[in-house]
Amino acid sequence: MATARAPTRAEVSEALRELASLAGVDVRADVHEAVLELCRRRVVPTATAQVLRSLASKAQGRARSARGDDGCVKDGCRRDR
């Protein structure tokens, strides 16, 4: 009985692109490469998901900072605390 071969990096990359497309998610190239590296290192899926959550949270924080969104309603926050 023959053993199954491991998928190539190109095959994993294409599968990741297809999965992102089906999910309606636009994955940046650097994030795509990071996920490929995690797959290559055989990182468990839950840890990979945690990395993605962390990246998304950091990106969301940067986006809020860039547009000055500090969560305060006009005149509803005291900034001197």
C-alpha atoms as a PDB file:
ATOM      1  CA  MET A   1       0.000   0.000   0.000  1.00  0.00           C
ATOM      2  CA  ALA A   2       1.422   3.373  -1.063  1.00  0.00           C
ATOM      3  CA  THR A   3       1.533   6.280   1.342  1.00  0.00           C
ATOM      4  CA  ALA A   4      -0.048   9.565   0.351  1.00  0.00           C
ATOM      5  CA  ARG A   5       2.389  12.280  -0.620  1.00  0.00           C
ATOM      6  CA  ALA A   6       2.364  15.600   1.158  1.00  0.00           C
ATOM      7  CA  PRO A   7       0.880  18.456  -0.879  1.00  0.00           C
ATOM      8  CA  THR A   8       3.330  20.872  -2.453  1.00  0.00           C
ATOM      9  CA  ARG A   9       3.605  24.476  -1.278  1.00  0.00           C
ATOM     10  CA  ALA A  10       1.908  25.573  -4.508  1.00  0.00           C
ATOM     11  CA  GLU A  11      -1.005  23.196  -3.885  1.00  0.00           C
ATOM     12  CA  VAL A  12      -1.434  24.433  -0.318  1.00  0.00           C
ATOM     13  CA  SER A  13      -1.194  28.042  -1.518  1.00  0.00           C
ATOM     14  CA  GLU A  14      -3.881  27.487  -4.134  1.00  0.00           C
ATOM     15  CA  ALA A  15      -6.131  25.712  -1.607  1.00  0.00           C
ATOM     16  CA  LEU A  16      -5.711  28.628   0.810  1.00  0.00           C
ATOM     17  CA  ARG A  17      -6.589  31.151  -1.921  1.00  0.00           C
ATOM     18  CA  GLU A  18      -9.668  29.119  -2.862  1.00  0.00           C
ATOM     19  CA  LEU A  19     -10.770  28.826   0.771  1.00  0.00           C
ATOM     20  CA  ALA A  20     -10.371  32.579   1.294  1.00  0.00           C
ATOM     21  CA  SER A  21     -12.284  33.269  -1.915  1.00  0.00           C
ATOM     22  CA  LEU A  22     -15.149  30.977  -0.906  1.00  0.00           C
ATOM     23  CA  ALA A  23     -15.269  32.704   2.487  1.00  0.00           C
ATOM     24  CA  GLY A  24     -15.335  36.126   0.825  1.00  0.00           C
ATOM     25  CA  VAL A  25     -12.109  37.156   2.539  1.00  0.00           C
ATOM     26  CA  ASP A  26      -9.360  39.181   0.895  1.00  0.00           C
ATOM     27  CA  VAL A  27      -6.089  37.879   2.362  1.00  0.00           C
ATOM     28  CA  ARG A  28      -3.038  40.133   2.133  1.00  0.00           C
ATOM     29  CA  ALA A  29       0.092  38.565   0.645  1.00  0.00           C
ATOM     30  CA  ASP A  30       2.039  38.749   3.929  1.00  0.00           C
ATOM     31  CA  VAL A  31      -0.759  37.027   5.849  1.00  0.00           C
ATOM     32  CA  HIS A  32      -1.047  34.395   3.115  1.00  0.00           C
ATOM     33  CA  GLU A  33       2.685  33.663   3.415  1.00  0.00           C
ATOM     34  CA  ALA A  34       2.461  33.490   7.215  1.00  0.00           C
ATOM     35  CA  VAL A  35      -0.359  30.939   7.040  1.00  0.00           C
ATOM     36  CA  LEU A  36       1.573  28.896   4.472  1.00  0.00           C
ATOM     37  CA  GLU A  37       4.561  28.841   6.816  1.00  0.00           C
ATOM     38  CA  LEU A  38       2.363  27.702   9.705  1.00  0.00           C
ATOM     39  CA  CYS A  39       0.997  24.911   7.488  1.00  0.00           C
ATOM     40  CA  ARG A  40       4.517  23.906   6.453  1.00  0.00           C
ATOM     41  CA  ARG A  41       5.507  23.650  10.103  1.00  0.00           C
ATOM     42  CA  ARG A  42       2.390  21.561  10.792  1.00  0.00           C
ATOM     43  CA  VAL A  43       1.050  23.973  13.408  1.00  0.00           C
ATOM     44  CA  VAL A  44      -2.257  22.769  14.822  1.00  0.00           C
ATOM     45  CA  PRO A  45      -5.315  24.494  13.305  1.00  0.00           C
ATOM     46  CA  THR A  46      -6.405  26.064  16.603  1.00  0.00           C
ATOM     47  CA  ALA A  47      -3.037  27.798  16.953  1.00  0.00           C
ATOM     48  CA  THR A  48      -3.225  28.977  13.334  1.00  0.00           C
ATOM     49  CA  ALA A  49      -6.698  30.390  14.019  1.00  0.00           C
ATOM     50  CA  GLN A  50      -5.332  32.205  17.088  1.00  0.00           C
ATOM     51  CA  VAL A  51      -2.566  33.777  14.975  1.00  0.00           C
ATOM     52  CA  LEU A  52      -5.181  34.965  12.459  1.00  0.00           C
ATOM     53  CA  ARG A  53      -7.350  36.419  15.244  1.00  0.00           C
ATOM     54  CA  SER A  54      -4.335  38.258  16.624  1.00  0.00           C
ATOM     55  CA  LEU A  55      -3.405  39.659  13.205  1.00  0.00           C
ATOM     56  CA  ALA A  56      -7.001  40.758  12.593  1.00  0.00           C
ATOM     57  CA  SER A  57      -7.214  42.431  15.989  1.00  0.00           C
ATOM     58  CA  LYS A  58      -3.964  44.328  15.421  1.00  0.00           C
ATOM     59  CA  ALA A  59      -5.091  45.432  11.950  1.00  0.00           C
ATOM     60  CA  GLN A  60      -8.419  46.608  13.334  1.00  0.00           C
ATOM     61  CA  GLY A  61      -6.636  48.602  16.041  1.00  0.00           C
ATOM     62  CA  ARG A  62      -4.347  50.238  13.483  1.00  0.00           C
ATOM     63  CA  ALA A  63      -7.345  51.140  11.311  1.00  0.00           C
ATOM     64  CA  ARG A  64      -9.117  52.752  14.266  1.00  0.00           C
ATOM     65  CA  SER A  65      -5.998  54.728  15.193  1.00  0.00           C
ATOM     66  CA  ALA A  66      -5.562  55.918  11.627  1.00  0.00           C
ATOM     67  CA  ARG A  67      -9.059  57.373  11.471  1.00  0.00           C
ATOM     68  CA  GLY A  68      -9.023  58.708  15.038  1.00  0.00           C
ATOM     69  CA  ASP A  69     -11.797  56.420  16.244  1.00  0.00           C
ATOM     70  CA  ASP A  70     -11.247  56.172  19.997  1.00  0.00           C
ATOM     71  CA  GLY A  71     -14.739  54.922  20.753  1.00  0.00           C
ATOM     72  CA  CYS A  72     -15.876  58.196  22.307  1.00  0.00           C
ATOM     73  CA  VAL A  73     -19.077  59.916  21.341  1.00  0.00           C
ATOM     74  CA  LYS A  74     -18.602  63.639  20.822  1.00  0.00           C
ATOM     75  CA  ASP A  75     -18.348  65.328  24.245  1.00  0.00           C
ATOM     76  CA  GLY A  76     -19.126  61.980  25.890  1.00  0.00           C
ATOM     77  CA  CYS A  77     -15.618  61.102  27.058  1.00  0.00           C
ATOM     78  CA  ARG A  78     -13.300  62.752  29.475  1.00  0.00           C
ATOM     79  CA  ARG A  79      -9.840  62.702  27.991  1.00  0.00           C
ATOM     80  CA  ASP A  80      -8.149  64.073  31.108  1.00  0.00           C
ATOM     81  CA  ARG A  81      -8.435  60.810  33.054  1.00  0.00           C
END
